[in-house]
Amino acid sequence: MSTYHENLKNQETLRLREIQKELPPFLMEFFRGIAQTTSTKTRLGYAYDLRIFFRYLYEEHGTLGGIDSARLTVESLNQVSSDDIDCFMEYLSYYIRPDYEHPESGMELHNDEKGKSRKLAAIRSMYKYFYKKKKVVANPAAIVETPKIHNKQIVRLDVNEMADFLDAVESGGKLSDHQKAFHDRTKKRDLAITTLLLGTGMRVSECVGINIKDIDFKNNAIKIIRKGGNEVFLYFGEEVQAALEDYLEERQHAITKKENEDALFLSSQGKRITVRAVQNLVKKYAFGVTVKKISPHKLRSTFGTNLYQETGDIYLVADALGHADVNTTRKHYAEIEDQRRRKAASYIKLRKE
């Protein structure tokens, strides 16, 4: 029987094949070539972004405009300059995605610096691959400036908000009458999920993939599959342990679909809970507790902030959050580091009184 993560990978593979049908045929070589060094999710993201790029060339490019993607060859890339890619970056600020079922309508889309950077990364990867294979004469994407990404202040729950949030999950006091009707049936599960997210900092995708057998109560550890596919153990405290045990006692009596019988967290239909369902339940309980827009990722940020404030160890925080590069962590928690440096200055007395 396939695991959750294997099924997810299979779904992404099938979707990648569908998107490739809309791309120039020569890109199949590119996706095969990077398969050993990238995840399926990364390649799928590249496919989505390159689809936008080639649609732009069809609509706007001086020489490639009007040429169907199926007729493009790898040599066609030689007709794209760095100026063309710069124009594409500007185009991404606002464009309309066509609706092929209803040509008269479309969806208005905007890209911020992060969205533009991701699409530029896909184009760079494509050109880098074919340039290395000596199938294009130059790599114009390499000299296009990466959009400057402005760091946003981290949204997180403070100590009081965190307590109020968990109280709201447990009591259901902030819910509407309609929501309260379902609360008694899901509150132990919801408390276990939110306590686990706040107590370990795991990603929501990692959370929904957990099976019952992945929990080790002897060591208060839980096995998860990280974003890159590596298995790691995260450790949890007594509050998380109590919430999990309370839920598991109730979970034994749940009706499950056969293919999801190992899943730790179940939906009301007895299936493995989805990422979207967890996002919705976090949003539901946060409403009325705080004016901040709280998501599972914000609970992850709350964990990271609390851990850093308690330990001051940025490397420990990076490891606990599963960041491959500590600079990613340092960038997110630069504000706290600045506060710590300011506090350090107050300890130094140049003249003793």
Foldseek 3Di string as FASTA:
>chain_A
DDAPVRVVLVVLVVLLVVLVVQAAVQCVVLCVVCPVPDGSVLSSLLSVLVSLVVVCCCPPNDPSHVPGRPPDDLAVVQSAALVNLVVVLVCQQWDWAADVVDRVHTHIHGDDLVRSQSSLVSLQSVLVVCVVVVNYDDRRSVPHDRRDDDDDAAFADDPVLLVQLLVCLQPVPPADPVVVVCSVVCSLVLSLQLCCLLFQLEDLVFQLSFFPVQADPVQQWGWTQDPRGDIDITHGDDSSVVSLVVVVVVVVPDDADPVANRTSHADNVRHRDDSVVQQVVSQRSSVPSDPDRDGSNNSSVHNLVVVCVVPVDLVVSCVSNVPPDSVVSCSNCVVVVVVVVVVVVVVDDPDDD
